[in-house]
Amino acid sequence: MNKLLNIILSIVAFVVSIAIILMILLKLTNHSPTIEQIILTITSLIAVMVYRMKFQLGKFTEFMENTKDSITNLKDEIKEIKQEFKQLNNKIDNKFEKLEDKFNNIDKQLMLIEQRI
C-alpha cells in the first residue's frame, strides 16, 4: 500500500509537471492558458510534492519510533545480561573459595602427615 501510494503520487507529480511545461510553452506562444491557470497548476504540483514528502516523513518517523523501541528493549536485555553475569561471577567466586578451602585443608593434612613421618 505504501509503495502504491508513493508511485501514484510520483505519477501525478510527473503529469502535473508536464502540464506546467506545456502551459508555459503555450503561454509563451500567445495561446490560451491564463496566468491564473498556470499558477493554480504550479500550486497543485507543490501540494502533491508536499503531500508526498509528508508521507515519506511519516514513514521515517514511524521507523524512528520503532528504532527507539528496539533500542530500549536492547538496553533492558543488556541490563538483564549484566545481572546474570554478576550472579555467575558470584557463583564462580564462591566455588573457587570452597575449592581453595579444600586445598588448604589438604595442605594442612599433608603437613601433618609429613610431620608424623
Protein backbone atom coordinates (compact mmCIF):
# COMPACT_ATOMS: atom_id res chain seq x y z
CA MET A 1 0.00 0.00 0.00
CA ASN A 2 2.80 2.40 0.88
CA LYS A 3 4.68 1.72 -2.35
CA LEU A 4 1.49 2.04 -4.37
CA LEU A 5 0.65 5.45 -2.85
CA ASN A 6 4.21 6.62 -3.44
CA ILE A 7 4.04 5.53 -7.09
CA ILE A 8 0.66 7.21 -7.59
CA LEU A 9 1.92 10.49 -6.09
CA SER A 10 5.04 10.35 -8.28
CA ILE A 11 2.93 9.80 -11.40
CA VAL A 12 0.59 12.67 -10.50
CA ALA A 13 3.56 14.97 -9.87
CA PHE A 14 5.08 13.97 -13.22
CA VAL A 15 1.84 14.58 -15.12
CA VAL A 16 1.30 17.96 -13.46
CA SER A 17 4.92 18.92 -14.23
CA ILE A 18 4.40 18.07 -17.91
CA ALA A 19 1.17 20.10 -17.86
CA ILE A 20 3.00 23.09 -16.39
CA ILE A 21 5.69 22.91 -19.06
CA LEU A 22 3.07 22.68 -21.82
CA MET A 23 1.07 25.56 -20.35
CA ILE A 24 4.15 27.76 -20.14
CA LEU A 25 5.09 26.90 -23.72
CA LEU A 26 1.54 27.72 -24.86
CA LYS A 27 1.60 30.99 -22.93
CA LEU A 28 4.95 31.95 -24.50
CA THR A 29 3.45 31.40 -27.96
CA ASN A 30 0.41 33.59 -27.08
CA HIS A 31 -2.12 30.78 -26.69
CA SER A 32 -4.96 30.07 -24.27
CA PRO A 33 -3.79 29.36 -20.68
CA THR A 34 -4.06 32.31 -18.37
CA ILE A 35 -1.54 33.21 -15.70
CA GLU A 36 -4.06 32.13 -13.05
CA GLN A 37 -4.33 28.68 -14.60
CA ILE A 38 -0.55 28.31 -14.66
CA ILE A 39 -0.26 29.47 -11.04
CA LEU A 40 -3.04 27.08 -9.99
CA THR A 41 -1.27 24.19 -11.73
CA ILE A 42 2.05 25.09 -10.08
CA THR A 43 0.27 25.26 -6.72
CA SER A 44 -1.22 21.82 -7.40
CA LEU A 45 2.25 20.45 -8.12
CA ILE A 46 3.58 21.95 -4.90
CA ALA A 47 0.67 20.44 -2.94
CA VAL A 48 1.28 16.99 -4.42
CA MET A 49 5.00 17.20 -3.67
CA VAL A 50 4.38 18.39 -0.10
CA TYR A 51 1.91 15.56 0.49
CA ARG A 52 4.41 13.06 -0.94
CA MET A 53 7.17 14.40 1.29
CA LYS A 54 4.85 14.32 4.30
CA PHE A 55 4.02 10.69 3.51
CA GLN A 56 7.71 9.78 3.31
CA LEU A 57 8.46 11.71 6.50
CA GLY A 58 5.67 9.79 8.23
CA LYS A 59 7.31 6.52 7.24
CA PHE A 60 10.64 7.84 8.55
CA THR A 61 9.05 8.95 11.83
CA GLU A 62 7.46 5.52 12.26
CA PHE A 63 10.85 3.92 11.59
CA MET A 64 12.47 6.16 14.21
CA GLU A 65 9.82 5.23 16.82
CA ASN A 66 10.33 1.53 16.10
CA THR A 67 14.08 2.01 16.35
CA LYS A 68 13.74 3.76 19.72
CA ASP A 69 11.58 0.91 20.99
CA SER A 70 14.13 -1.63 19.77
CA ILE A 71 16.98 0.25 21.44
CA THR A 72 15.03 0.41 24.70
CA ASN A 73 14.41 -3.34 24.53
CA LEU A 74 18.10 -3.95 23.83
CA LYS A 75 19.09 -1.80 26.82
CA ASP A 76 16.76 -3.80 29.07
CA GLU A 77 18.18 -7.08 27.77
CA ILE A 78 21.74 -5.84 28.32
CA LYS A 79 20.87 -4.93 31.91
CA GLU A 80 19.46 -8.43 32.45
CA ILE A 81 22.58 -9.99 30.92
CA LYS A 82 24.80 -7.88 33.19
CA GLN A 83 22.83 -9.01 36.24
CA GLU A 84 23.07 -12.65 35.19
CA PHE A 85 26.79 -12.23 34.55
CA LYS A 86 27.27 -10.78 38.04
CA GLN A 87 25.36 -13.70 39.54
CA LEU A 88 27.50 -16.18 37.61
CA ASN A 89 30.67 -14.41 38.75
CA ASN A 90 29.50 -14.60 42.35
CA LYS A 91 28.77 -18.32 41.99
CA ILE A 92 32.16 -18.93 40.41
CA ASP A 93 33.88 -16.93 43.17
CA ASN A 94 32.05 -18.97 45.80
CA LYS A 95 33.09 -22.21 44.11
CA PHE A 96 36.71 -21.07 43.98
CA GLU A 97 36.61 -20.10 47.63
CA LYS A 98 35.29 -23.53 48.52
CA LEU A 99 37.97 -25.18 46.37
CA GLU A 100 40.62 -23.01 47.96
CA ASP A 101 39.41 -24.03 51.42
CA LYS A 102 39.57 -27.69 50.41
CA PHE A 103 43.10 -27.29 49.06
CA ASN A 104 44.12 -25.54 52.25
CA ASN A 105 42.69 -28.41 54.26
CA ILE A 106 44.51 -30.92 52.07
CA ASP A 107 47.73 -28.94 52.52
CA LYS A 108 47.28 -28.94 56.28
CA GLN A 109 46.63 -32.66 56.28
CA LEU A 110 49.71 -33.27 54.14
CA MET A 111 51.78 -31.17 56.51
CA LEU A 112 50.53 -33.22 59.42
CA ILE A 113 51.35 -36.45 57.59
CA GLU A 114 54.81 -35.18 56.81
CA GLN A 115 55.42 -34.28 60.41
CA ARG A 116 54.40 -37.73 61.54
CA ILE A 117 56.66 -39.44 59.09
